[in-house]
């Protein structure tokens, strides 16, 4: 009897699929075998011979023997005791009392009077205008000390504005702008203007400033602690040079 073969029962069309599955399975098993880790457990035997035993030393307790010295022998007794007669008289020192008797007369010496010398306080000859107690008084100024001081400054300012040659700065050919001339002078004990000094951008401006300040009138001198003193005064003069 012949066996009938069916076309659907053939396995040849699926051979490639089975081959690929088998190959993938084999590779997976090989990879697992390679990556598999095994740990060797090894317990080292405990060697008691490597342990060092501490040696216990038995040190006996000893007591320090203190050296005892025998006490010194007593001093020898004298062979013979002599008794000396007390024939000499002992002179006693009599202390005299320093207290005075109430009945005694007390001699009183004349006391010389001591005169108290009062030293005069030295006042500086020249005092700056900023700290002067009583500022110099400009002719015609009245009022309190502060008002007289402010009046003096205002009158000096008016005097300079009136007497100073303002055209001089332009004639000298100075650059445009503000120019300052600083003038220092002293109002002495008699109220006169002395020791005038000037510093500015040009010699002619300095001479002009000295000329103007020298024309200031005599004033009532300033006072420090009630005494007339010289007063130092600084005056800045500002000039404006305009462009031609």
Protein backbone atom coordinates (compact mmCIF):
# COMPACT_ATOMS: atom_id res chain seq x y z
CA UNK A 1 0.00 0.00 0.00
CA UNK A 2 1.41 3.35 -0.97
CA UNK A 3 1.63 6.20 1.51
CA UNK A 4 0.06 9.30 0.22
CA UNK A 5 1.98 12.52 0.57
CA UNK A 6 0.27 15.79 1.12
CA UNK A 7 1.74 19.03 -0.02
CA UNK A 8 0.75 20.74 3.23
CA UNK A 9 2.66 18.14 5.29
CA UNK A 10 6.07 19.13 3.89
CA UNK A 11 8.45 20.74 6.31
CA UNK A 12 10.98 22.05 3.85
CA UNK A 13 9.43 25.57 3.71
CA UNK A 14 9.94 25.95 7.52
CA UNK A 15 13.49 24.65 7.71
CA UNK A 16 15.03 28.15 7.60
CA UNK A 17 12.84 29.34 10.45
CA UNK A 18 13.72 26.37 12.62
CA UNK A 19 17.41 26.86 11.79
CA UNK A 20 17.30 30.49 12.86
CA UNK A 21 15.48 29.67 16.09
CA UNK A 22 17.97 26.95 16.93
CA UNK A 23 20.89 29.25 16.19
CA UNK A 24 19.44 32.04 18.39
CA UNK A 25 18.81 29.57 21.21
CA UNK A 26 22.38 28.25 20.98
CA UNK A 27 23.83 31.76 21.08
CA UNK A 28 21.70 32.61 24.11
CA UNK A 29 22.92 29.54 25.97
CA UNK A 30 26.55 30.34 25.13
CA UNK A 31 26.15 33.97 26.34
CA UNK A 32 24.58 32.80 29.63
CA UNK A 33 27.39 30.32 30.11
CA UNK A 34 30.05 32.99 29.54
CA UNK A 35 28.43 35.62 31.82
CA UNK A 36 27.69 33.19 34.59
CA UNK A 37 29.72 34.18 37.68
CA UNK A 38 30.77 31.78 40.33
CA UNK A 39 32.26 32.84 43.67
CA UNK A 40 34.75 30.57 45.30
CA UNK A 41 34.22 30.42 48.98
CA UNK A 42 37.40 29.89 50.86
CA UNK A 43 37.66 30.05 54.61
CA UNK A 44 41.17 30.48 55.87
CA UNK A 45 41.97 28.43 58.84
CA UNK A 46 42.64 30.48 61.96
CA UNK A 47 46.29 30.13 62.89
CA UNK A 48 46.74 30.65 66.58
CA UNK A 49 50.50 30.62 66.23
CA UNK A 50 50.51 34.19 64.76
CA UNK A 51 48.95 35.71 67.90
CA UNK A 52 51.52 37.24 70.17
CA UNK A 53 50.83 36.71 73.81
CA UNK A 54 51.56 39.51 76.21
CA UNK A 55 54.19 38.66 78.72
CA UNK A 56 53.12 39.50 82.23
CA UNK A 57 56.02 40.62 84.38
CA UNK A 58 55.68 40.26 88.07
CA UNK A 59 57.50 43.28 89.57
CA UNK A 60 57.91 43.02 93.31
CA UNK A 61 56.96 46.11 95.37
CA UNK A 62 60.01 47.51 97.06
CA UNK A 63 60.08 50.13 99.76
CA UNK A 64 62.71 52.85 99.74
CA UNK A 65 64.66 52.69 102.89
CA UNK A 66 65.14 56.16 104.33
CA UNK A 67 68.53 56.77 105.79
CA UNK A 68 68.09 57.82 109.39
CA UNK A 69 70.83 59.89 110.94
CA UNK A 70 71.43 59.70 114.61
CA UNK A 71 70.65 62.91 116.60
CA UNK A 72 73.63 65.17 117.33
CA UNK A 73 75.24 64.74 120.72
CA UNK A 74 74.37 67.30 123.44
CA UNK A 75 76.88 70.11 124.09
CA UNK A 76 79.45 69.36 126.77
CA UNK A 77 78.75 70.82 130.20
CA UNK A 78 81.20 73.45 131.52
CA UNK A 79 83.82 72.24 133.91
CA UNK A 80 83.39 75.12 136.41
CA UNK A 81 80.67 77.73 136.87
CA UNK A 82 81.97 81.18 137.98
CA UNK A 83 79.66 83.53 139.83
CA UNK A 84 80.45 87.19 139.15
CA UNK A 85 79.41 89.80 141.72
CA UNK A 86 77.13 92.57 140.48
CA UNK A 87 79.23 95.50 141.64
CA UNK A 88 78.91 97.80 138.63
CA UNK A 89 76.01 100.19 138.43
CA UNK A 90 74.04 100.19 135.22
CA UNK A 91 73.39 103.63 133.83
CA UNK A 92 69.81 104.01 132.73
CA UNK A 93 69.01 106.22 129.74
CA UNK A 94 66.35 108.75 130.61
CA UNK A 95 64.10 109.72 127.71
CA UNK A 96 63.02 113.32 127.83
CA UNK A 97 59.36 113.96 127.11
CA UNK A 98 58.58 116.13 124.13
CA UNK A 99 55.23 117.22 125.54
CA UNK A 100 54.98 120.81 126.68
CA UNK A 101 53.58 121.87 129.97
CA UNK A 102 50.51 124.03 129.83
CA UNK A 103 52.10 126.47 132.26
CA UNK A 104 55.15 127.02 130.08
CA UNK A 105 55.15 130.05 127.84
CA UNK A 106 55.16 129.30 124.15
CA UNK A 107 57.26 131.59 122.05
CA UNK A 108 55.48 132.51 118.83
CA UNK A 109 57.65 133.57 115.96
CA UNK A 110 56.48 136.17 113.50
CA UNK A 111 55.03 134.63 110.32
CA UNK A 112 56.17 136.23 107.09
CA UNK A 113 53.28 136.87 104.70
CA UNK A 114 53.58 135.12 101.33
CA UNK A 115 52.48 137.19 98.42
CA UNK A 116 50.62 135.32 95.70
CA UNK A 117 52.09 136.07 92.30
CA UNK A 118 49.51 135.96 89.54
CA UNK A 119 51.07 135.07 86.22
CA UNK A 120 49.66 136.97 83.34
CA UNK A 121 48.35 134.76 80.57
CA UNK A 122 50.29 135.21 77.39
CA UNK A 123 48.00 136.02 74.50
CA UNK A 124 49.09 135.39 70.95
CA UNK A 125 50.12 138.48 69.08
CA UNK A 126 48.22 137.57 65.91
CA UNK A 127 44.89 135.72 66.00
CA UNK A 128 43.07 134.40 62.90
CA UNK A 129 39.88 136.27 62.05
CA UNK A 130 37.84 133.03 62.24
CA UNK A 131 38.52 132.49 65.98
CA UNK A 132 38.90 136.06 67.29
CA UNK A 133 36.66 136.80 70.27
CA UNK A 134 36.05 140.46 69.43
CA UNK A 135 36.55 141.09 65.71
CA UNK A 136 37.90 144.42 64.48
CA UNK A 137 35.17 146.99 63.92
CA UNK A 138 34.90 148.64 60.51
CA UNK A 139 33.98 152.32 60.63
CA UNK A 140 30.20 152.67 60.79
CA UNK A 141 29.46 149.03 61.80
CA UNK A 142 27.19 148.58 64.84
CA UNK A 143 25.30 145.83 66.64
CA UNK A 144 26.32 142.61 68.36
CA UNK A 145 29.69 140.92 67.96
CA UNK A 146 28.35 138.69 65.20
CA UNK A 147 26.74 141.61 63.41
CA UNK A 148 29.92 143.69 63.57
CA UNK A 149 31.93 140.76 62.24
CA UNK A 150 29.55 140.23 59.30
CA UNK A 151 29.46 143.97 58.64
CA UNK A 152 33.27 144.13 58.40
CA UNK A 153 33.32 141.35 55.82
CA UNK A 154 30.60 143.02 53.77
CA UNK A 155 32.31 146.44 53.85
CA UNK A 156 35.67 144.98 52.75
CA UNK A 157 33.88 143.22 49.89
CA UNK A 158 32.24 146.48 48.77
CA UNK A 159 35.56 148.32 49.01
CA UNK A 160 37.33 145.79 46.74
CA UNK A 161 34.52 145.78 44.16
CA UNK A 162 34.66 149.57 44.03
CA UNK A 163 38.42 150.11 43.92
CA UNK A 164 39.72 147.10 41.94
CA UNK A 165 40.50 147.59 38.24
CA UNK A 166 38.45 144.76 36.73
CA UNK A 167 39.59 145.55 33.18
CA UNK A 168 43.15 144.67 34.08
CA UNK A 169 42.58 140.91 33.70
CA UNK A 170 41.37 141.35 30.11
CA UNK A 171 44.27 143.67 29.26
CA UNK A 172 46.80 141.06 30.37
CA UNK A 173 45.53 138.58 27.77
CA UNK A 174 44.56 135.88 30.29
CA UNK A 175 42.46 132.95 29.14
CA UNK A 176 38.68 133.25 29.62
CA UNK A 177 37.23 132.05 32.90
CA UNK A 178 37.42 132.80 36.62
CA UNK A 179 40.74 133.98 38.05
CA UNK A 180 41.39 134.22 41.79
CA UNK A 181 43.82 136.43 43.70
CA UNK A 182 44.36 135.55 47.37
CA UNK A 183 45.31 138.46 49.64
CA UNK A 184 46.51 138.11 53.23
CA UNK A 185 46.90 141.07 55.55
CA UNK A 186 46.87 141.97 59.22
CA UNK A 187 44.79 144.43 61.20
CA UNK A 188 47.32 145.31 63.92
CA UNK A 189 46.77 146.38 67.54
CA UNK A 190 46.14 149.95 66.42
CA UNK A 191 43.63 148.95 63.74
CA UNK A 192 45.92 149.70 60.78
CA UNK A 193 46.32 147.45 57.71
CA UNK A 194 49.84 145.94 57.59
CA UNK A 195 51.77 142.93 56.19
CA UNK A 196 49.83 142.73 52.93
CA UNK A 197 50.70 139.73 50.72
CA UNK A 198 49.05 138.56 47.49
CA UNK A 199 49.18 135.46 45.29
CA UNK A 200 47.51 135.27 41.88
CA UNK A 201 47.84 134.22 38.22
CA UNK A 202 49.78 137.40 37.27
CA UNK A 203 52.14 139.83 39.03
CA UNK A 204 50.12 142.90 37.99
CA UNK A 205 46.98 141.39 39.50
CA UNK A 206 48.86 140.80 42.75
CA UNK A 207 50.08 144.43 42.81
CA UNK A 208 46.58 145.69 42.13
CA UNK A 209 45.17 143.58 44.98
CA UNK A 210 47.83 144.93 47.39
CA UNK A 211 47.04 148.50 46.29
CA UNK A 212 43.30 148.09 46.87
CA UNK A 213 43.69 146.46 50.32
CA UNK A 214 46.15 149.17 51.44
CA UNK A 215 43.37 151.74 50.84
CA UNK A 216 41.17 150.20 53.56
CA UNK A 217 40.43 152.67 56.40
CA UNK A 218 41.75 152.31 59.96
CA UNK A 219 39.53 150.18 62.16
CA UNK A 220 38.95 149.52 65.83
CA UNK A 221 41.42 146.71 66.67
CA UNK A 222 40.28 143.22 67.56
CA UNK A 223 40.48 141.91 71.13
CA UNK A 224 41.29 138.53 72.62
CA UNK A 225 40.45 138.12 76.34
CA UNK A 226 40.04 141.86 76.61
CA UNK A 227 43.44 142.72 75.12
CA UNK A 228 44.05 144.33 71.75
CA UNK A 229 45.73 141.88 69.34
CA UNK A 230 46.65 141.69 65.69
CA UNK A 231 44.13 139.87 63.51
CA UNK A 232 45.11 137.94 60.37
CA UNK A 233 42.62 138.18 57.51
CA UNK A 234 42.51 136.25 54.20
CA UNK A 235 40.60 137.80 51.31
CA UNK A 236 39.94 135.91 48.03
CA UNK A 237 39.27 138.19 45.02
CA UNK A 238 37.55 136.53 42.06
CA UNK A 239 37.85 138.01 38.54
CA UNK A 240 35.88 136.86 35.50
CA UNK A 241 37.74 137.10 32.17
CA UNK A 242 35.30 137.09 29.27
CA UNK A 243 35.98 136.09 25.68
CA UNK A 244 36.64 138.94 23.24
